[in-house]
Every structure is written in C-alpha cells, then in structure tokens.
Amino acid sequence: MKSRADKQRDRGGRAGDAAQDIDARYGLEPVFEPGSEPGTESLNSLDSASRLQSVQCPYCGEAFETLLDLSGGSARYVEDCPVCCRPIELQLEIDEQGQLTGLTPLRTD
C-alpha cells in the first residue's frame, strides 16, 4: 500500500502544489500561515516595503496591529478600528531611506 507522499509524487507534485493550483484556478491570493517559510519573491519584496505596527485607537484606547505600506513614502489614510469600528486617520511619516519615523493616529470627528 502506498503512503500519502508516494501518491502525491505519483500525481507529479508536492502536497503544497494542490493548494497553489486551487488558488490559481479561482484567482485567489495565496495564504501564508504564521511561521511558514515564504516561498515567493513577491512576499519577500512585500516584507521589505511593509511593517506590522501597533496602534492605539484614539476613541476606545484599545491597541491593535496594522500593516503599514512604507513603499509610498509619507502618507495619510483612514483605517477603521477593529474594536470600536470608528475611523482613524493615520499620519505615516517615512524618511528618505524608506524607514518609518512617525505614526500618529488621529480622530476624524
């Protein structure tokens, strides 16, 4: 009797290939599990241009983490608090080297 790995090899691929085929077939973005090794160059480029940052909501005071895009330079944008759902204006300050120098959450009212 063949093992699961042997059956997968007989079909011409690895176990992760099936998930990639499904993603491609339905136009889905790949999902990366925490702690897994990045397998694509695009994920590595995303890591260098983004940063997970803790923010405190100016309305309810709860802390949450948000993914900041550092590739566009300094910016202002609105993101809803995942706890109280109120809109927070985030002022993002980026220096010439693309490093985060400041993040200010503001109330929009």
N, C-alpha and C. Protein backbone atom coordinates (compact mmCIF):
# COMPACT_ATOMS: atom_id res chain seq x y z
N MET A 1 0.84 -1.17 0.00
CA MET A 1 0.00 0.00 0.00
C MET A 1 0.89 1.25 0.00
N LYS A 2 0.52 2.24 -0.82
CA LYS A 2 1.33 3.45 -0.95
C LYS A 2 0.98 4.46 0.13
N SER A 3 2.01 5.19 0.55
CA SER A 3 1.79 6.26 1.53
C SER A 3 1.20 7.47 0.82
N ARG A 4 0.74 8.42 1.59
CA ARG A 4 0.19 9.66 1.05
C ARG A 4 1.24 10.41 0.22
N ALA A 5 2.48 10.48 0.71
CA ALA A 5 3.55 11.16 -0.01
C ALA A 5 3.83 10.47 -1.35
N ASP A 6 3.81 9.13 -1.36
CA ASP A 6 4.03 8.39 -2.60
C ASP A 6 2.92 8.68 -3.61
N LYS A 7 1.69 8.71 -3.15
CA LYS A 7 0.56 9.01 -4.04
C LYS A 7 0.69 10.41 -4.62
N GLN A 8 1.10 11.36 -3.77
CA GLN A 8 1.27 12.74 -4.23
C GLN A 8 2.38 12.82 -5.28
N ARG A 9 3.49 12.11 -5.06
CA ARG A 9 4.58 12.10 -6.04
C ARG A 9 4.13 11.47 -7.34
N ASP A 10 3.29 10.43 -7.27
CA ASP A 10 2.78 9.79 -8.47
C ASP A 10 1.94 10.76 -9.30
N ARG A 11 1.28 11.67 -8.63
CA ARG A 11 0.48 12.68 -9.33
C ARG A 11 1.35 13.81 -9.87
N GLY A 12 2.65 13.78 -9.57
CA GLY A 12 3.57 14.74 -10.15
C GLY A 12 3.78 16.00 -9.37
N GLY A 13 3.59 15.98 -8.08
CA GLY A 13 3.80 17.21 -7.34
C GLY A 13 3.99 17.01 -5.87
N ARG A 14 4.08 18.12 -5.16
CA ARG A 14 4.18 18.12 -3.71
C ARG A 14 2.81 18.41 -3.14
N ALA A 15 2.65 18.25 -1.86
CA ALA A 15 1.36 18.48 -1.21
C ALA A 15 0.92 19.92 -1.35
N GLY A 16 1.86 20.88 -1.30
CA GLY A 16 1.51 22.30 -1.40
C GLY A 16 1.08 22.71 -2.79
N ASP A 17 1.43 21.90 -3.81
CA ASP A 17 1.07 22.24 -5.18
C ASP A 17 -0.43 22.26 -5.38
N ALA A 18 -1.17 21.37 -4.71
CA ALA A 18 -2.62 21.32 -4.87
C ALA A 18 -3.26 22.64 -4.42
N ALA A 19 -2.80 23.18 -3.32
CA ALA A 19 -3.34 24.45 -2.84
C ALA A 19 -3.02 25.57 -3.82
N GLN A 20 -1.82 25.56 -4.39
CA GLN A 20 -1.46 26.58 -5.38
C GLN A 20 -2.30 26.46 -6.63
N ASP A 21 -2.61 25.22 -7.05
CA ASP A 21 -3.47 25.02 -8.21
C ASP A 21 -4.87 25.58 -7.96
N ILE A 22 -5.39 25.35 -6.78
CA ILE A 22 -6.72 25.87 -6.44
C ILE A 22 -6.71 27.40 -6.42
N ASP A 23 -5.68 27.99 -5.83
CA ASP A 23 -5.56 29.45 -5.81
C ASP A 23 -5.54 30.01 -7.22
N ALA A 24 -4.74 29.39 -8.09
CA ALA A 24 -4.62 29.87 -9.48
C ALA A 24 -5.94 29.70 -10.24
N ARG A 25 -6.59 28.58 -10.04
CA ARG A 25 -7.84 28.29 -10.76
C ARG A 25 -8.93 29.31 -10.42
N TYR A 26 -9.04 29.70 -9.17
CA TYR A 26 -10.10 30.59 -8.75
C TYR A 26 -9.66 32.04 -8.57
N GLY A 27 -8.42 32.34 -8.93
CA GLY A 27 -7.93 33.71 -8.84
C GLY A 27 -7.75 34.20 -7.42
N LEU A 28 -7.41 33.30 -6.51
CA LEU A 28 -7.26 33.65 -5.10
C LEU A 28 -5.82 34.06 -4.80
N GLU A 29 -5.67 34.94 -3.83
CA GLU A 29 -4.34 35.31 -3.36
C GLU A 29 -3.84 34.18 -2.47
N PRO A 30 -2.54 33.88 -2.50
CA PRO A 30 -2.02 32.83 -1.63
C PRO A 30 -2.11 33.22 -0.17
N VAL A 31 -2.30 32.24 0.68
CA VAL A 31 -2.38 32.45 2.12
C VAL A 31 -1.10 31.92 2.74
N PHE A 32 -0.47 32.74 3.57
CA PHE A 32 0.75 32.32 4.24
C PHE A 32 0.46 32.18 5.72
N GLU A 33 0.70 30.99 6.22
CA GLU A 33 0.45 30.71 7.63
C GLU A 33 1.56 31.30 8.48
N PRO A 34 1.24 31.74 9.71
CA PRO A 34 2.29 32.24 10.60
C PRO A 34 3.34 31.17 10.84
N GLY A 35 4.60 31.59 10.76
CA GLY A 35 5.70 30.67 10.98
C GLY A 35 6.13 29.88 9.76
N SER A 36 5.38 30.01 8.65
CA SER A 36 5.78 29.27 7.45
C SER A 36 6.85 30.04 6.70
N GLU A 37 7.61 29.33 5.92
CA GLU A 37 8.67 29.95 5.13
C GLU A 37 8.07 30.60 3.90
N PRO A 38 8.41 31.85 3.62
CA PRO A 38 7.92 32.45 2.39
C PRO A 38 8.50 31.72 1.18
N GLY A 39 7.64 31.42 0.21
CA GLY A 39 8.08 30.67 -0.95
C GLY A 39 8.17 31.48 -2.22
N THR A 40 7.80 32.75 -2.17
CA THR A 40 7.81 33.53 -3.40
C THR A 40 8.60 34.80 -3.20
N GLU A 41 9.12 35.32 -4.28
CA GLU A 41 9.88 36.56 -4.25
C GLU A 41 8.98 37.74 -3.92
N SER A 42 7.70 37.69 -4.36
CA SER A 42 6.80 38.81 -4.11
C SER A 42 6.54 38.99 -2.62
N LEU A 43 6.48 37.90 -1.87
CA LEU A 43 6.31 38.02 -0.42
C LEU A 43 7.54 38.68 0.20
N ASN A 44 8.73 38.33 -0.27
CA ASN A 44 9.94 38.95 0.27
C ASN A 44 9.97 40.44 -0.02
N SER A 45 9.55 40.86 -1.21
CA SER A 45 9.53 42.28 -1.53
C SER A 45 8.48 43.00 -0.71
N LEU A 46 7.37 42.34 -0.40
CA LEU A 46 6.34 42.93 0.44
C LEU A 46 6.90 43.16 1.84
N ASP A 47 7.66 42.19 2.36
CA ASP A 47 8.23 42.32 3.69
C ASP A 47 9.16 43.52 3.80
N SER A 48 9.92 43.82 2.77
CA SER A 48 10.85 44.94 2.83
C SER A 48 10.14 46.28 2.69
N ALA A 49 8.93 46.29 2.14
CA ALA A 49 8.20 47.54 1.91
C ALA A 49 7.04 47.72 2.89
N SER A 50 6.90 46.83 3.85
CA SER A 50 5.80 46.94 4.78
C SER A 50 6.28 46.63 6.20
N ARG A 51 5.43 46.98 7.14
CA ARG A 51 5.80 46.77 8.53
C ARG A 51 4.52 46.63 9.36
N LEU A 52 4.50 45.64 10.24
CA LEU A 52 3.40 45.47 11.16
C LEU A 52 3.65 46.38 12.35
N GLN A 53 2.70 47.25 12.66
CA GLN A 53 2.89 48.26 13.70
C GLN A 53 1.70 48.28 14.65
N SER A 54 1.99 48.41 15.92
CA SER A 54 0.94 48.53 16.93
C SER A 54 0.45 49.98 16.98
N VAL A 55 -0.88 50.15 17.04
CA VAL A 55 -1.51 51.46 17.07
C VAL A 55 -2.54 51.46 18.19
N GLN A 56 -2.69 52.59 18.87
CA GLN A 56 -3.72 52.71 19.90
C GLN A 56 -4.84 53.57 19.36
N CYS A 57 -6.07 53.06 19.42
CA CYS A 57 -7.24 53.77 18.92
C CYS A 57 -7.46 55.04 19.74
N PRO A 58 -7.61 56.21 19.07
CA PRO A 58 -7.84 57.45 19.82
C PRO A 58 -9.26 57.57 20.38
N TYR A 59 -10.15 56.67 19.99
CA TYR A 59 -11.52 56.67 20.50
C TYR A 59 -11.67 55.76 21.72
N CYS A 60 -11.40 54.46 21.53
CA CYS A 60 -11.65 53.49 22.61
C CYS A 60 -10.40 53.15 23.41
N GLY A 61 -9.22 53.53 22.92
CA GLY A 61 -7.99 53.29 23.65
C GLY A 61 -7.40 51.90 23.49
N GLU A 62 -8.07 51.03 22.73
CA GLU A 62 -7.57 49.67 22.54
C GLU A 62 -6.41 49.67 21.55
N ALA A 63 -5.44 48.82 21.80
CA ALA A 63 -4.29 48.66 20.89
C ALA A 63 -4.62 47.58 19.87
N PHE A 64 -4.17 47.78 18.63
CA PHE A 64 -4.31 46.78 17.58
C PHE A 64 -3.12 46.92 16.65
N GLU A 65 -2.90 45.90 15.83
CA GLU A 65 -1.79 45.93 14.89
C GLU A 65 -2.32 46.16 13.48
N THR A 66 -1.59 46.97 12.73
CA THR A 66 -1.95 47.24 11.34
C THR A 66 -0.72 47.09 10.47
N LEU A 67 -0.93 46.74 9.22
CA LEU A 67 0.17 46.60 8.27
C LEU A 67 0.36 47.91 7.53
N LEU A 68 1.54 48.50 7.67
CA LEU A 68 1.85 49.78 7.04
C LEU A 68 2.62 49.54 5.75
N ASP A 69 2.25 50.26 4.70
CA ASP A 69 2.97 50.21 3.42
C ASP A 69 3.98 51.34 3.41
N LEU A 70 5.26 51.00 3.49
CA LEU A 70 6.32 52.00 3.56
C LEU A 70 6.83 52.41 2.18
N SER A 71 6.36 51.74 1.13
CA SER A 71 6.91 51.97 -0.21
C SER A 71 6.47 53.29 -0.83
N GLY A 72 5.37 53.88 -0.36
CA GLY A 72 4.86 55.10 -0.97
C GLY A 72 5.32 56.38 -0.31
N GLY A 73 6.15 56.28 0.70
CA GLY A 73 6.60 57.48 1.40
C GLY A 73 5.55 57.93 2.41
N SER A 74 5.72 59.15 2.89
CA SER A 74 4.79 59.69 3.89
C SER A 74 3.39 59.76 3.30
N ALA A 75 2.39 59.47 4.14
CA ALA A 75 1.01 59.43 3.66
C ALA A 75 0.04 59.64 4.81
N ARG A 76 -1.19 59.93 4.45
CA ARG A 76 -2.31 59.99 5.41
C ARG A 76 -3.42 59.14 4.85
N TYR A 77 -3.97 58.28 5.67
CA TYR A 77 -5.09 57.46 5.23
C TYR A 77 -5.96 57.11 6.42
N VAL A 78 -7.16 56.62 6.13
CA VAL A 78 -8.14 56.30 7.16
C VAL A 78 -8.29 54.79 7.24
N GLU A 79 -8.26 54.28 8.47
CA GLU A 79 -8.47 52.86 8.73
C GLU A 79 -9.41 52.75 9.91
N ASP A 80 -10.36 51.83 9.85
CA ASP A 80 -11.30 51.64 10.94
C ASP A 80 -10.67 50.84 12.07
N CYS A 81 -11.01 51.22 13.30
CA CYS A 81 -10.56 50.47 14.47
C CYS A 81 -11.25 49.11 14.45
N PRO A 82 -10.50 48.02 14.59
CA PRO A 82 -11.13 46.70 14.59
C PRO A 82 -11.93 46.41 15.86
N VAL A 83 -11.82 47.27 16.88
CA VAL A 83 -12.55 47.05 18.13
C VAL A 83 -13.84 47.86 18.15
N CYS A 84 -13.75 49.19 17.96
CA CYS A 84 -14.95 50.04 18.04
C CYS A 84 -15.49 50.47 16.68
N CYS A 85 -14.77 50.14 15.61
CA CYS A 85 -15.19 50.40 14.22
C CYS A 85 -15.23 51.87 13.83
N ARG A 86 -14.65 52.74 14.62
CA ARG A 86 -14.61 54.16 14.26
C ARG A 86 -13.43 54.43 13.33
N PRO A 87 -13.56 55.42 12.44
CA PRO A 87 -12.48 55.72 11.50
C PRO A 87 -11.33 56.46 12.18
N ILE A 88 -10.12 55.99 11.94
CA ILE A 88 -8.91 56.60 12.49
C ILE A 88 -8.08 57.11 11.32
N GLU A 89 -7.68 58.38 11.37
CA GLU A 89 -6.77 58.90 10.36
C GLU A 89 -5.35 58.62 10.83
N LEU A 90 -4.60 57.89 10.02
CA LEU A 90 -3.23 57.56 10.35
C LEU A 90 -2.30 58.44 9.53
N GLN A 91 -1.43 59.20 10.23
CA GLN A 91 -0.41 60.01 9.57
C GLN A 91 0.89 59.22 9.62
N LEU A 92 1.37 58.83 8.45
CA LEU A 92 2.55 57.99 8.31
C LEU A 92 3.70 58.85 7.82
N GLU A 93 4.80 58.88 8.56
CA GLU A 93 5.98 59.66 8.18
C GLU A 93 7.14 58.71 7.88
N ILE A 94 7.67 58.82 6.65
CA ILE A 94 8.74 57.96 6.16
C ILE A 94 9.92 58.84 5.77
N ASP A 95 11.15 58.44 6.14
CA ASP A 95 12.33 59.22 5.75
C ASP A 95 12.81 58.84 4.35
N GLU A 96 13.92 59.45 3.90
CA GLU A 96 14.44 59.24 2.55
C GLU A 96 14.89 57.80 2.31
N GLN A 97 15.27 57.10 3.37
CA GLN A 97 15.72 55.71 3.24
C GLN A 97 14.56 54.72 3.29
N GLY A 98 13.33 55.21 3.42
CA GLY A 98 12.16 54.34 3.47
C GLY A 98 11.87 53.78 4.85
N GLN A 99 12.45 54.38 5.89
CA GLN A 99 12.24 53.93 7.27
C GLN A 99 11.11 54.72 7.93
N LEU A 100 10.33 54.06 8.75
CA LEU A 100 9.25 54.71 9.49
C LEU A 100 9.84 55.63 10.55
N THR A 101 9.47 56.92 10.51
CA THR A 101 9.95 57.87 11.52
C THR A 101 8.83 58.33 12.43
N GLY A 102 7.58 58.16 12.01
CA GLY A 102 6.48 58.56 12.86
C GLY A 102 5.15 58.02 12.38
N LEU A 103 4.28 57.69 13.34
CA LEU A 103 2.93 57.23 13.03
C LEU A 103 2.02 57.87 14.07
N THR A 104 1.07 58.69 13.61
CA THR A 104 0.17 59.39 14.52
C THR A 104 -1.27 59.02 14.20
N PRO A 105 -1.98 58.37 15.14
CA PRO A 105 -3.40 58.10 14.94
C PRO A 105 -4.23 59.29 15.42
N LEU A 106 -5.16 59.76 14.58
CA LEU A 106 -5.99 60.91 14.91
C LEU A 106 -7.46 60.58 14.78
N ARG A 107 -8.27 61.24 15.58
CA ARG A 107 -9.72 61.14 15.44
C ARG A 107 -10.15 61.90 14.20
N THR A 108 -11.21 61.45 13.57
CA THR A 108 -11.70 62.11 12.38
C THR A 108 -12.90 63.02 12.66
N ASP A 109 -13.34 63.09 13.91
CA ASP A 109 -14.51 63.94 14.22
C ASP A 109 -14.10 65.32 14.67
